Every structure is written in structure tokens, then in C-alpha cells.
C-alpha atoms as a PDB file:
ATOM      1  CA  MET A   1      58.761 -99.914 -30.405  1.00  0.00           C
ATOM      2  CA  PHE A   2      56.622 -97.347 -28.622  1.00  0.00           C
ATOM      3  CA  ASN A   3      53.331 -98.972 -27.672  1.00  0.00           C
ATOM      4  CA  LEU A   4      50.628 -96.558 -26.645  1.00  0.00           C
ATOM      5  CA  PRO A   5      47.961 -97.705 -24.158  1.00  0.00           C
ATOM      6  CA  GLU A   6      44.741 -99.347 -25.308  1.00  0.00           C
ATOM      7  CA  TYR A   7      42.701 -96.191 -24.653  1.00  0.00           C
ATOM      8  CA  PHE A   8      44.728 -94.256 -27.269  1.00  0.00           C
ATOM      9  CA  SER A   9      42.663 -92.905 -30.162  1.00  0.00           C
ATOM     10  CA  ASN A  10      44.247 -91.910 -33.434  1.00  0.00           C
ATOM     11  CA  ASN A  11      44.315 -88.124 -32.891  1.00  0.00           C
ATOM     12  CA  LEU A  12      46.568 -85.448 -31.389  1.00  0.00           C
ATOM     13  CA  ASP A  13      44.400 -84.862 -28.323  1.00  0.00           C
ATOM     14  CA  SER A  14      44.660 -88.515 -27.380  1.00  0.00           C
ATOM     15  CA  LEU A  15      48.408 -88.534 -28.047  1.00  0.00           C
ATOM     16  CA  SER A  16      48.799 -85.483 -25.827  1.00  0.00           C
ATOM     17  CA  GLU A  17      46.760 -87.136 -23.058  1.00  0.00           C
ATOM     18  CA  CYS A  18      48.802 -90.347 -23.211  1.00  0.00           C
ATOM     19  CA  LEU A  19      52.157 -88.567 -23.238  1.00  0.00           C
ATOM     20  CA  ASN A  20      51.207 -86.187 -20.434  1.00  0.00           C
ATOM     21  CA  ASP A  21      50.108 -89.085 -18.245  1.00  0.00           C
ATOM     22  CA  LEU A  22      52.802 -91.776 -18.748  1.00  0.00           C
ATOM     23  CA  SER A  23      51.453 -93.736 -15.774  1.00  0.00           C
ATOM     24  CA  TRP A  24      51.091 -96.567 -18.291  1.00  0.00           C
ATOM     25  CA  ILE A  25      54.910 -96.745 -18.537  1.00  0.00           C
ATOM     26  CA  ASN A  26      56.647 -98.246 -15.521  1.00  0.00           C
ATOM     27  CA  CYS A  27      59.872 -96.269 -15.976  1.00  0.00           C
ATOM     28  CA  ASN A  28      61.128 -92.903 -14.818  1.00  0.00           C
ATOM     29  CA  SER A  29      63.166 -92.285 -17.950  1.00  0.00           C
ATOM     30  CA  ILE A  30      61.613 -92.519 -21.406  1.00  0.00           C
ATOM     31  CA  LYS A  31      63.274 -91.952 -24.760  1.00  0.00           C
ATOM     32  CA  LEU A  32      61.143 -91.577 -27.848  1.00  0.00           C
ATOM     33  CA  ILE A  33      63.377 -92.165 -30.862  1.00  0.00           C
ATOM     34  CA  ILE A  34      62.129 -91.210 -34.304  1.00  0.00           C
ATOM     35  CA  GLU A  35      64.272 -93.058 -36.791  1.00  0.00           C
ATOM     36  CA  ASN A  36      64.396 -92.150 -40.470  1.00  0.00           C
ATOM     37  CA  SER A  37      63.062 -88.732 -39.576  1.00  0.00           C
ATOM     38  CA  SER A  38      63.141 -87.585 -43.205  1.00  0.00           C
ATOM     39  CA  PHE A  39      60.225 -89.978 -43.771  1.00  0.00           C
ATOM     40  CA  PHE A  40      58.330 -89.080 -40.596  1.00  0.00           C
ATOM     41  CA  LEU A  41      54.890 -87.888 -41.747  1.00  0.00           C
ATOM     42  CA  VAL A  42      56.480 -86.772 -45.002  1.00  0.00           C
ATOM     43  CA  ASN A  43      53.126 -86.591 -46.802  1.00  0.00           C
ATOM     44  CA  GLU A  44      51.398 -84.766 -43.953  1.00  0.00           C
ATOM     45  CA  LEU A  45      53.668 -81.781 -43.357  1.00  0.00           C
ATOM     46  CA  GLN A  46      51.074 -79.844 -41.349  1.00  0.00           C
ATOM     47  CA  ASP A  47      50.495 -82.898 -39.139  1.00  0.00           C
ATOM     48  CA  ARG A  48      54.248 -83.372 -38.841  1.00  0.00           C
ATOM     49  CA  GLU A  49      54.680 -79.825 -37.558  1.00  0.00           C
ATOM     50  CA  SER A  50      51.808 -80.280 -35.087  1.00  0.00           C
ATOM     51  CA  VAL A  51      53.171 -83.599 -33.791  1.00  0.00           C
ATOM     52  CA  LEU A  52      56.698 -82.206 -33.376  1.00  0.00           C
ATOM     53  CA  GLU A  53      55.326 -79.157 -31.558  1.00  0.00           C
ATOM     54  CA  LEU A  54      53.285 -81.420 -29.281  1.00  0.00           C
ATOM     55  CA  LEU A  55      56.313 -83.607 -28.527  1.00  0.00           C
ATOM     56  CA  ASN A  56      58.386 -80.544 -27.672  1.00  0.00           C
ATOM     57  CA  GLU A  57      55.671 -79.209 -25.339  1.00  0.00           C
ATOM     58  CA  VAL A  58      55.297 -82.578 -23.607  1.00  0.00           C
ATOM     59  CA  SER A  59      59.045 -82.881 -23.123  1.00  0.00           C
ATOM     60  CA  CYS A  60      59.218 -79.381 -21.614  1.00  0.00           C
ATOM     61  CA  GLU A  61      56.293 -80.088 -19.283  1.00  0.00           C
ATOM     62  CA  TRP A  62      57.914 -83.293 -17.992  1.00  0.00           C
ATOM     63  CA  HIS A  63      61.210 -81.461 -17.542  1.00  0.00           C
ATOM     64  CA  ASN A  64      59.502 -78.857 -15.362  1.00  0.00           C
ATOM     65  CA  VAL A  65      57.295 -81.083 -13.158  1.00  0.00           C
ATOM     66  CA  PRO A  66      55.780 -79.781 -10.989  1.00  0.00           C
ATOM     67  CA  ASN A  67      54.507 -77.177 -13.449  1.00  0.00           C
ATOM     68  CA  TYR A  68      52.123 -75.777 -10.836  1.00  0.00           C
ATOM     69  CA  GLU A  69      51.513 -76.085  -7.107  1.00  0.00           C
ATOM     70  CA  GLY A  70      50.022 -79.442  -6.164  1.00  0.00           C
ATOM     71  CA  GLU A  71      50.931 -81.247  -9.382  1.00  0.00           C
ATOM     72  CA  GLU A  72      53.464 -83.404  -7.542  1.00  0.00           C
ATOM     73  CA  LYS A  73      50.574 -85.023  -5.627  1.00  0.00           C
ATOM     74  CA  PHE A  74      49.383 -86.881  -8.734  1.00  0.00           C
ATOM     75  CA  ARG A  75      52.299 -86.796 -11.182  1.00  0.00           C
ATOM     76  CA  ASN A  76      55.900 -87.633 -10.386  1.00  0.00           C
ATOM     77  CA  ARG A  77      58.628 -86.201 -12.549  1.00  0.00           C
ATOM     78  CA  LYS A  78      59.872 -88.402 -15.377  1.00  0.00           C
ATOM     79  CA  ILE A  79      62.641 -87.835 -17.865  1.00  0.00           C
ATOM     80  CA  PHE A  80      61.033 -87.701 -21.295  1.00  0.00           C
ATOM     81  CA  GLN A  81      63.481 -87.267 -24.157  1.00  0.00           C
ATOM     82  CA  ILE A  82      62.793 -87.140 -27.882  1.00  0.00           C
ATOM     83  CA  LEU A  83      65.574 -88.054 -30.250  1.00  0.00           C
ATOM     84  CA  ILE A  84      65.104 -87.334 -33.933  1.00  0.00           C
END
């Protein structure tokens, strides 16, 4: 079960903020597993595409930390994997 922090709001901007922070998870390796992916947002195909794109971007950003000079001062690299 993937429990988002209390400050999470039910929108993509908030999801992006939570996943790009990850200070609320006390691990250096995180796996987000989407089971039964054929049912994942099946009735909201546009939302599904947006969420999957967001997850891919977040995973790439974590893979490349630091993404810019100075980022390592406030964000340590974490392994963020998405399994569908």
C-alpha cells in the first residue's frame, strides 16, 4: 500500500509535489507497483496517460539527481522504480 502524506490533495500537481519530494518516506529505494494495470484508471484514459507520464518523469528525475547544480544540498538521490 502506497500511503501519500497528509498534505496530499487529490490532483496531479499535488501528486507530482509528493513524488518529487519523498522526504516523507524514510527509505532510499522506493518501488511503486501498479497491480492489475489493465484496470488502472480504465474509465479515465486521459488521466491515465497523464499519471503514467508524470510517473515516468518523476522516475527519470530521481534517477538523475542532482538534475542541476546545488540540488544535492536539499535532495539526496533515491531509487524510485515503477513496476506496472
